[in-house]
């Protein structure tokens, strides 16, 4: 299987700080890859390179086997890569429909095509089994899980092949965390590849097929989730070494 996303030998320096050191990761269609590490490990910097917020000093990015140049967030979106940051980047005073189409509104003549946008927003949320009673209330009045759903619906409507999710359940309670987990599984079933950045090992183990651990801007290793324990992964995060007897899954498609 050809990887959906390949990042090869990515390096990036900020002044005297080597933020990324020869980092290589890959993601397959319908896979969740957990990206783990302490604050400052480099995981957020890496996804900002993929999302077009930063440009690497060296390295290559491939989408479905083709090398691409990601210099801006618009480049990233054009290749089907959408990022959902922890703050969700929603306009709180606008409703769900306006947020789904924010910056990419549909028009009819010189006016916004409100009816079409509402219908299509509802269709994409229904497709993902997302239930929001009213799409016309400001998102600031929605629950954390509903807001997360609006951000995900926006990404999927614009045909995301790869979704980067940064701490998607950090501000959610147990029930809404469970619903976001169900949504991630629904996205997997549609063939969407997901980079999942989280400090919650329980979430990562429940949802990820493989885990990549970073430390000090470099990759410690990539493992199949089923091959490791929580203690193994903590050892990778803290000690920066692969657990003994655990095979590497650096370039391995997920198995059922």
C-alpha atoms as a PDB file:
ATOM      1  CA  UNK A   1       0.000   0.000   0.000  1.00  0.00           C
ATOM      2  CA  UNK A   2       1.289   3.449  -0.917  1.00  0.00           C
ATOM      3  CA  UNK A   3       1.394   5.781   2.081  1.00  0.00           C
ATOM      4  CA  UNK A   4      -1.096   8.621   2.029  1.00  0.00           C
ATOM      5  CA  UNK A   5       1.505  10.977   3.522  1.00  0.00           C
ATOM      6  CA  UNK A   6       5.268  10.581   3.699  1.00  0.00           C
ATOM      7  CA  UNK A   7       7.573  13.071   5.366  1.00  0.00           C
ATOM      8  CA  UNK A   8      11.207  12.171   4.741  1.00  0.00           C
ATOM      9  CA  UNK A   9      14.280  13.547   6.506  1.00  0.00           C
ATOM     10  CA  UNK A  10      12.601  16.755   7.675  1.00  0.00           C
ATOM     11  CA  UNK A  11      14.936  19.180   9.456  1.00  0.00           C
ATOM     12  CA  UNK A  12      14.205  22.686  10.728  1.00  0.00           C
ATOM     13  CA  UNK A  13      16.254  25.124  12.757  1.00  0.00           C
ATOM     14  CA  UNK A  14      15.095  28.276  14.548  1.00  0.00           C
ATOM     15  CA  UNK A  15      18.265  30.287  15.132  1.00  0.00           C
ATOM     16  CA  UNK A  16      20.415  28.156  17.403  1.00  0.00           C
ATOM     17  CA  UNK A  17      17.615  25.686  18.161  1.00  0.00           C
ATOM     18  CA  UNK A  18      17.427  22.515  16.075  1.00  0.00           C
ATOM     19  CA  UNK A  19      13.655  22.008  16.265  1.00  0.00           C
ATOM     20  CA  UNK A  20      13.492  18.984  13.924  1.00  0.00           C
ATOM     21  CA  UNK A  21      16.346  16.568  13.217  1.00  0.00           C
ATOM     22  CA  UNK A  22      16.041  14.297  10.178  1.00  0.00           C
ATOM     23  CA  UNK A  23      12.426  13.320  10.981  1.00  0.00           C
ATOM     24  CA  UNK A  24      10.687  10.700   8.835  1.00  0.00           C
ATOM     25  CA  UNK A  25       7.071   9.575   9.365  1.00  0.00           C
ATOM     26  CA  UNK A  26       4.366   8.121   7.167  1.00  0.00           C
ATOM     27  CA  UNK A  27       0.594   7.732   7.324  1.00  0.00           C
ATOM     28  CA  UNK A  28      -1.627   5.294   5.439  1.00  0.00           C
ATOM     29  CA  UNK A  29      -5.248   5.679   4.269  1.00  0.00           C
ATOM     30  CA  UNK A  30      -7.724   4.759   7.006  1.00  0.00           C
ATOM     31  CA  UNK A  31      -5.002   4.800   9.685  1.00  0.00           C
ATOM     32  CA  UNK A  32      -4.692   6.738  12.919  1.00  0.00           C
ATOM     33  CA  UNK A  33      -1.063   7.482  13.764  1.00  0.00           C
ATOM     34  CA  UNK A  34      -0.564   8.696  17.319  1.00  0.00           C
ATOM     35  CA  UNK A  35       2.167  11.327  17.618  1.00  0.00           C
ATOM     36  CA  UNK A  36       3.556  11.477  21.154  1.00  0.00           C
ATOM     37  CA  UNK A  37       6.230  13.255  23.146  1.00  0.00           C
ATOM     38  CA  UNK A  38       6.798  15.826  25.866  1.00  0.00           C
ATOM     39  CA  UNK A  39       6.203  19.526  25.227  1.00  0.00           C
ATOM     40  CA  UNK A  40       9.069  20.657  23.022  1.00  0.00           C
ATOM     41  CA  UNK A  41       9.604  17.203  21.540  1.00  0.00           C
ATOM     42  CA  UNK A  42       8.918  18.545  18.037  1.00  0.00           C
ATOM     43  CA  UNK A  43       5.543  17.015  17.237  1.00  0.00           C
ATOM     44  CA  UNK A  44       3.685  20.334  16.864  1.00  0.00           C
ATOM     45  CA  UNK A  45       6.530  21.754  14.778  1.00  0.00           C
ATOM     46  CA  UNK A  46       6.371  18.715  12.507  1.00  0.00           C
ATOM     47  CA  UNK A  47       2.659  19.074  11.845  1.00  0.00           C
ATOM     48  CA  UNK A  48       3.106  22.793  11.212  1.00  0.00           C
ATOM     49  CA  UNK A  49       5.535  21.859   8.430  1.00  0.00           C
ATOM     50  CA  UNK A  50       2.902  19.525   6.966  1.00  0.00           C
ATOM     51  CA  UNK A  51       0.155  22.120   7.356  1.00  0.00           C
ATOM     52  CA  UNK A  52       2.199  24.844   5.646  1.00  0.00           C
ATOM     53  CA  UNK A  53       2.665  27.071   8.692  1.00  0.00           C
ATOM     54  CA  UNK A  54       6.442  26.417   8.670  1.00  0.00           C
ATOM     55  CA  UNK A  55       8.815  25.515   5.847  1.00  0.00           C
ATOM     56  CA  UNK A  56      11.460  22.898   6.530  1.00  0.00           C
ATOM     57  CA  UNK A  57      15.125  23.650   5.883  1.00  0.00           C
ATOM     58  CA  UNK A  58      15.480  20.243   4.239  1.00  0.00           C
ATOM     59  CA  UNK A  59      13.490  17.108   3.537  1.00  0.00           C
ATOM     60  CA  UNK A  60      10.650  15.959   1.293  1.00  0.00           C
ATOM     61  CA  UNK A  61       6.871  15.596   1.553  1.00  0.00           C
ATOM     62  CA  UNK A  62       4.930  13.082  -0.543  1.00  0.00           C
ATOM     63  CA  UNK A  63       1.147  12.824  -0.941  1.00  0.00           C
ATOM     64  CA  UNK A  64      -0.036   9.483  -2.366  1.00  0.00           C
ATOM     65  CA  UNK A  65       3.449   8.828  -3.717  1.00  0.00           C
ATOM     66  CA  UNK A  66       3.912  12.190  -5.431  1.00  0.00           C
ATOM     67  CA  UNK A  67       6.387  14.727  -4.089  1.00  0.00           C
ATOM     68  CA  UNK A  68       4.695  18.045  -3.286  1.00  0.00           C
ATOM     69  CA  UNK A  69       5.757  21.510  -2.170  1.00  0.00           C
ATOM     70  CA  UNK A  70       3.893  22.727   0.927  1.00  0.00           C
ATOM     71  CA  UNK A  71       4.820  26.364   1.408  1.00  0.00           C
ATOM     72  CA  UNK A  72       1.526  27.775   2.686  1.00  0.00           C
ATOM     73  CA  UNK A  73      -1.619  26.515   4.460  1.00  0.00           C
ATOM     74  CA  UNK A  74      -3.410  26.892   1.115  1.00  0.00           C
ATOM     75  CA  UNK A  75      -0.949  24.433  -0.444  1.00  0.00           C
ATOM     76  CA  UNK A  76      -1.675  21.960   2.349  1.00  0.00           C
ATOM     77  CA  UNK A  77      -5.437  22.250   1.879  1.00  0.00           C
ATOM     78  CA  UNK A  78      -5.084  21.848  -1.881  1.00  0.00           C
ATOM     79  CA  UNK A  79      -3.429  18.466  -1.288  1.00  0.00           C
ATOM     80  CA  UNK A  80      -6.291  17.372   0.986  1.00  0.00           C
ATOM     81  CA  UNK A  81      -4.530  18.016   4.307  1.00  0.00           C
ATOM     82  CA  UNK A  82      -6.666  19.747   6.941  1.00  0.00           C
ATOM     83  CA  UNK A  83      -5.573  20.693  10.457  1.00  0.00           C
ATOM     84  CA  UNK A  84      -7.823  20.926  13.498  1.00  0.00           C
ATOM     85  CA  UNK A  85      -5.884  22.796  16.165  1.00  0.00           C
ATOM     86  CA  UNK A  86      -6.702  22.581  19.862  1.00  0.00           C
ATOM     87  CA  UNK A  87      -8.446  25.972  19.764  1.00  0.00           C
ATOM     88  CA  UNK A  88     -10.450  24.756  16.710  1.00  0.00           C
ATOM     89  CA  UNK A  89     -10.072  28.105  14.865  1.00  0.00           C
ATOM     90  CA  UNK A  90     -13.827  28.702  14.911  1.00  0.00           C
ATOM     91  CA  UNK A  91     -15.500  32.116  14.792  1.00  0.00           C
ATOM     92  CA  UNK A  92     -17.484  31.993  18.040  1.00  0.00           C
ATOM     93  CA  UNK A  93     -20.034  34.620  17.020  1.00  0.00           C
ATOM     94  CA  UNK A  94     -20.980  32.752  13.825  1.00  0.00           C
ATOM     95  CA  UNK A  95     -23.208  29.693  13.516  1.00  0.00           C
ATOM     96  CA  UNK A  96     -22.172  26.202  12.418  1.00  0.00           C
ATOM     97  CA  UNK A  97     -23.024  26.767   8.749  1.00  0.00           C
ATOM     98  CA  UNK A  98     -20.962  29.957   8.552  1.00  0.00           C
ATOM     99  CA  UNK A  99     -18.036  28.198  10.251  1.00  0.00           C
ATOM    100  CA  UNK A 100     -18.104  25.216   7.900  1.00  0.00           C
ATOM    101  CA  UNK A 101     -17.817  27.558   4.910  1.00  0.00           C
ATOM    102  CA  UNK A 102     -15.703  30.282   6.554  1.00  0.00           C
ATOM    103  CA  UNK A 103     -13.471  31.829   3.887  1.00  0.00           C
ATOM    104  CA  UNK A 104     -14.895  29.478   1.235  1.00  0.00           C
ATOM    105  CA  UNK A 105     -18.515  30.663   1.137  1.00  0.00           C
ATOM    106  CA  UNK A 106     -20.927  29.727  -1.651  1.00  0.00           C
ATOM    107  CA  UNK A 107     -22.610  32.587  -3.471  1.00  0.00           C
ATOM    108  CA  UNK A 108     -25.571  32.975  -5.779  1.00  0.00           C
ATOM    109  CA  UNK A 109     -25.119  36.105  -7.824  1.00  0.00           C
ATOM    110  CA  UNK A 110     -23.892  38.743  -5.394  1.00  0.00           C
ATOM    111  CA  UNK A 111     -25.469  37.187  -2.279  1.00  0.00           C
ATOM    112  CA  UNK A 112     -24.461  34.295  -0.026  1.00  0.00           C
ATOM    113  CA  UNK A 113     -26.260  31.078  -0.933  1.00  0.00           C
ATOM    114  CA  UNK A 114     -27.431  30.392   2.626  1.00  0.00           C
ATOM    115  CA  UNK A 115     -29.876  27.597   1.729  1.00  0.00           C
ATOM    116  CA  UNK A 116     -27.299  25.541  -0.164  1.00  0.00           C
ATOM    117  CA  UNK A 117     -24.649  26.011   2.522  1.00  0.00           C
ATOM    118  CA  UNK A 118     -27.045  24.926   5.278  1.00  0.00           C
ATOM    119  CA  UNK A 119     -28.168  21.857   3.304  1.00  0.00           C
ATOM    120  CA  UNK A 120     -24.616  20.783   2.513  1.00  0.00           C
ATOM    121  CA  UNK A 121     -23.397  21.426   6.065  1.00  0.00           C
ATOM    122  CA  UNK A 122     -26.240  19.273   7.391  1.00  0.00           C
ATOM    123  CA  UNK A 123     -25.481  16.536   4.842  1.00  0.00           C
ATOM    124  CA  UNK A 124     -21.806  16.258   5.789  1.00  0.00           C
ATOM    125  CA  UNK A 125     -22.620  16.185   9.517  1.00  0.00           C
ATOM    126  CA  UNK A 126     -25.318  13.549   8.946  1.00  0.00           C
ATOM    127  CA  UNK A 127     -22.876  11.472   6.922  1.00  0.00           C
ATOM    128  CA  UNK A 128     -20.561  11.389   9.925  1.00  0.00           C
ATOM    129  CA  UNK A 129     -23.495  10.669  12.263  1.00  0.00           C
ATOM    130  CA  UNK A 130     -23.031  14.021  14.002  1.00  0.00           C
ATOM    131  CA  UNK A 131     -26.167  15.312  15.725  1.00  0.00           C
ATOM    132  CA  UNK A 132     -26.393  19.061  16.294  1.00  0.00           C
ATOM    133  CA  UNK A 133     -30.021  20.174  16.906  1.00  0.00           C
ATOM    134  CA  UNK A 134     -29.624  23.618  15.339  1.00  0.00           C
ATOM    135  CA  UNK A 135     -26.923  24.704  12.922  1.00  0.00           C
ATOM    136  CA  UNK A 136     -28.044  28.319  13.240  1.00  0.00           C
ATOM    137  CA  UNK A 137     -26.954  29.087  16.806  1.00  0.00           C
ATOM    138  CA  UNK A 138     -23.550  30.700  17.442  1.00  0.00           C
ATOM    139  CA  UNK A 139     -20.903  28.049  18.058  1.00  0.00           C
ATOM    140  CA  UNK A 140     -19.982  29.789  21.328  1.00  0.00           C
ATOM    141  CA  UNK A 141     -23.263  28.375  22.681  1.00  0.00           C
ATOM    142  CA  UNK A 142     -22.367  24.802  21.695  1.00  0.00           C
ATOM    143  CA  UNK A 143     -20.704  22.145  23.800  1.00  0.00           C
ATOM    144  CA  UNK A 144     -17.037  21.297  23.314  1.00  0.00           C
ATOM    145  CA  UNK A 145     -17.915  18.102  21.468  1.00  0.00           C
ATOM    146  CA  UNK A 146     -20.314  19.892  19.132  1.00  0.00           C
ATOM    147  CA  UNK A 147     -17.675  22.531  18.351  1.00  0.00           C
ATOM    148  CA  UNK A 148     -15.173  19.778  17.613  1.00  0.00           C
ATOM    149  CA  UNK A 149     -17.734  18.185  15.291  1.00  0.00           C
ATOM    150  CA  UNK A 150     -18.228  21.438  13.369  1.00  0.00           C
ATOM    151  CA  UNK A 151     -14.456  21.748  12.840  1.00  0.00           C
ATOM    152  CA  UNK A 152     -14.231  18.132  11.644  1.00  0.00           C
ATOM    153  CA  UNK A 153     -17.288  18.557   9.397  1.00  0.00           C
ATOM    154  CA  UNK A 154     -15.616  21.554   7.771  1.00  0.00           C
ATOM    155  CA  UNK A 155     -12.485  19.539   7.017  1.00  0.00           C
ATOM    156  CA  UNK A 156     -14.407  16.594   5.579  1.00  0.00           C
ATOM    157  CA  UNK A 157     -16.685  18.763   3.456  1.00  0.00           C
ATOM    158  CA  UNK A 158     -13.610  20.124   1.703  1.00  0.00           C
ATOM    159  CA  UNK A 159     -12.493  16.563   0.949  1.00  0.00           C
ATOM    160  CA  UNK A 160      -9.714  16.084   3.465  1.00  0.00           C
ATOM    161  CA  UNK A 161      -7.648  12.974   2.803  1.00  0.00           C
ATOM    162  CA  UNK A 162      -5.461  13.599   5.839  1.00  0.00           C
ATOM    163  CA  UNK A 163      -6.656  15.124   9.095  1.00  0.00           C
ATOM    164  CA  UNK A 164      -4.259  16.478  11.709  1.00  0.00           C
ATOM    165  CA  UNK A 165      -5.943  16.535  15.125  1.00  0.00           C
ATOM    166  CA  UNK A 166      -4.139  18.406  17.896  1.00  0.00           C
ATOM    167  CA  UNK A 167      -5.345  17.361  21.378  1.00  0.00           C
ATOM    168  CA  UNK A 168      -8.946  16.768  20.178  1.00  0.00           C
ATOM    169  CA  UNK A 169     -10.304  15.699  23.577  1.00  0.00           C
ATOM    170  CA  UNK A 170      -8.244  17.905  25.905  1.00  0.00           C
ATOM    171  CA  UNK A 171     -11.192  20.086  26.995  1.00  0.00           C
ATOM    172  CA  UNK A 172     -13.936  17.438  26.808  1.00  0.00           C
ATOM    173  CA  UNK A 173     -15.703  15.340  29.416  1.00  0.00           C
ATOM    174  CA  UNK A 174     -15.903  11.527  29.249  1.00  0.00           C
ATOM    175  CA  UNK A 175     -19.109  11.331  27.184  1.00  0.00           C
ATOM    176  CA  UNK A 176     -17.992  13.892  24.605  1.00  0.00           C
ATOM    177  CA  UNK A 177     -14.565  12.252  24.467  1.00  0.00           C
ATOM    178  CA  UNK A 178     -16.323   8.979  23.625  1.00  0.00           C
ATOM    179  CA  UNK A 179     -18.301  10.681  20.844  1.00  0.00           C
ATOM    180  CA  UNK A 180     -15.170  12.194  19.319  1.00  0.00           C
ATOM    181  CA  UNK A 181     -13.617   8.716  19.417  1.00  0.00           C
ATOM    182  CA  UNK A 182     -16.608   7.358  17.490  1.00  0.00           C
ATOM    183  CA  UNK A 183     -16.201  10.160  14.968  1.00  0.00           C
ATOM    184  CA  UNK A 184     -12.529   9.319  14.465  1.00  0.00           C
ATOM    185  CA  UNK A 185     -13.495   5.683  13.821  1.00  0.00           C
ATOM    186  CA  UNK A 186     -16.098   6.840  11.270  1.00  0.00           C
ATOM    187  CA  UNK A 187     -13.433   8.904   9.482  1.00  0.00           C
ATOM    188  CA  UNK A 188     -11.126   5.873   9.397  1.00  0.00           C
ATOM    189  CA  UNK A 189     -13.864   3.817   7.760  1.00  0.00           C
ATOM    190  CA  UNK A 190     -14.053   6.431   4.993  1.00  0.00           C
ATOM    191  CA  UNK A 191     -10.317   6.060   4.323  1.00  0.00           C
ATOM    192  CA  UNK A 192      -9.225   9.308   5.966  1.00  0.00           C
ATOM    193  CA  UNK A 193      -5.747   9.171   7.491  1.00  0.00           C
ATOM    194  CA  UNK A 194      -5.365  10.894  10.857  1.00  0.00           C
ATOM    195  CA  UNK A 195      -2.365  12.235  12.729  1.00  0.00           C
ATOM    196  CA  UNK A 196      -3.509  12.242  16.365  1.00  0.00           C
ATOM    197  CA  UNK A 197      -1.498  14.405  18.763  1.00  0.00           C
ATOM    198  CA  UNK A 198      -2.453  13.803  22.375  1.00  0.00           C
ATOM    199  CA  UNK A 199      -1.046  13.643  25.886  1.00  0.00           C
ATOM    200  CA  UNK A 200      -3.778  11.197  26.907  1.00  0.00           C
ATOM    201  CA  UNK A 201      -2.312   7.709  26.521  1.00  0.00           C
ATOM    202  CA  UNK A 202      -5.719   6.088  27.024  1.00  0.00           C
ATOM    203  CA  UNK A 203      -7.135   7.964  24.026  1.00  0.00           C
ATOM    204  CA  UNK A 204      -4.091   7.177  21.935  1.00  0.00           C
ATOM    205  CA  UNK A 205      -4.154   3.474  22.730  1.00  0.00           C
ATOM    206  CA  UNK A 206      -7.897   3.256  22.083  1.00  0.00           C
ATOM    207  CA  UNK A 207      -7.777   5.020  18.717  1.00  0.00           C
ATOM    208  CA  UNK A 208      -4.317   4.631  17.134  1.00  0.00           C
ATOM    209  CA  UNK A 209      -3.051   1.860  14.859  1.00  0.00           C
ATOM    210  CA  UNK A 210       0.576   2.914  15.234  1.00  0.00           C
ATOM    211  CA  UNK A 211       2.460   5.269  17.547  1.00  0.00           C
ATOM    212  CA  UNK A 212       5.391   7.537  16.718  1.00  0.00           C
ATOM    213  CA  UNK A 213       7.292   8.989  19.681  1.00  0.00           C
ATOM    214  CA  UNK A 214       9.465  12.098  19.379  1.00  0.00           C
ATOM    215  CA  UNK A 215      12.048  13.514  21.755  1.00  0.00           C
ATOM    216  CA  UNK A 216      14.289  16.571  21.361  1.00  0.00           C
ATOM    217  CA  UNK A 217      13.176  17.104  17.768  1.00  0.00           C
ATOM    218  CA  UNK A 218      13.940  13.559  16.595  1.00  0.00           C
ATOM    219  CA  UNK A 219      11.946  10.350  16.178  1.00  0.00           C
ATOM    220  CA  UNK A 220      12.585   7.784  18.901  1.00  0.00           C
ATOM    221  CA  UNK A 221      10.678   5.141  16.972  1.00  0.00           C
ATOM    222  CA  UNK A 222       7.368   3.972  15.528  1.00  0.00           C
ATOM    223  CA  UNK A 223       5.562   0.902  16.863  1.00  0.00           C
ATOM    224  CA  UNK A 224       2.300  -0.918  16.308  1.00  0.00           C
ATOM    225  CA  UNK A 225      -0.024  -0.016  19.176  1.00  0.00           C
ATOM    226  CA  UNK A 226      -0.924  -3.666  19.712  1.00  0.00           C
ATOM    227  CA  UNK A 227       2.760  -4.525  20.283  1.00  0.00           C
ATOM    228  CA  UNK A 228       3.371  -2.194  23.236  1.00  0.00           C
ATOM    229  CA  UNK A 229       2.140  -1.361  26.730  1.00  0.00           C
ATOM    230  CA  UNK A 230       1.644   2.029  28.339  1.00  0.00           C
ATOM    231  CA  UNK A 231       4.912   1.514  30.213  1.00  0.00           C
ATOM    232  CA  UNK A 232       6.744   0.767  26.957  1.00  0.00           C
ATOM    233  CA  UNK A 233       5.536   4.045  25.468  1.00  0.00           C
ATOM    234  CA  UNK A 234       6.333   6.020  28.615  1.00  0.00           C
ATOM    235  CA  UNK A 235       9.845   4.605  28.406  1.00  0.00           C
ATOM    236  CA  UNK A 236      10.134   5.866  24.830  1.00  0.00           C
ATOM    237  CA  UNK A 237       8.843   9.321  25.815  1.00  0.00           C
ATOM    238  CA  UNK A 238      11.023   9.691  28.920  1.00  0.00           C
ATOM    239  CA  UNK A 239      14.088   7.612  28.071  1.00  0.00           C
ATOM    240  CA  UNK A 240      14.171   8.135  24.331  1.00  0.00           C
ATOM    241  CA  UNK A 241      14.793   4.462  23.505  1.00  0.00           C
ATOM    242  CA  UNK A 242      12.802   1.718  21.814  1.00  0.00           C
ATOM    243  CA  UNK A 243      11.462  -0.998  24.155  1.00  0.00           C
ATOM    244  CA  UNK A 244      13.387  -4.268  24.033  1.00  0.00           C
ATOM    245  CA  UNK A 245      11.892  -6.972  21.850  1.00  0.00           C
ATOM    246  CA  UNK A 246       9.368  -4.673  20.165  1.00  0.00           C
ATOM    247  CA  UNK A 247       9.642  -4.552  16.368  1.00  0.00           C
ATOM    248  CA  UNK A 248       9.808  -1.232  14.569  1.00  0.00           C
ATOM    249  CA  UNK A 249       6.813  -0.233  12.430  1.00  0.00           C
ATOM    250  CA  UNK A 250       8.432   2.777  10.744  1.00  0.00           C
ATOM    251  CA  UNK A 251       7.261   1.844   7.255  1.00  0.00           C
ATOM    252  CA  UNK A 252       4.439  -0.585   7.826  1.00  0.00           C
ATOM    253  CA  UNK A 253       0.810  -0.291   6.776  1.00  0.00           C
ATOM    254  CA  UNK A 254      -1.697  -0.992   9.575  1.00  0.00           C
ATOM    255  CA  UNK A 255      -3.139  -4.474   9.784  1.00  0.00           C
ATOM    256  CA  UNK A 256      -6.751  -5.291  10.534  1.00  0.00           C
END
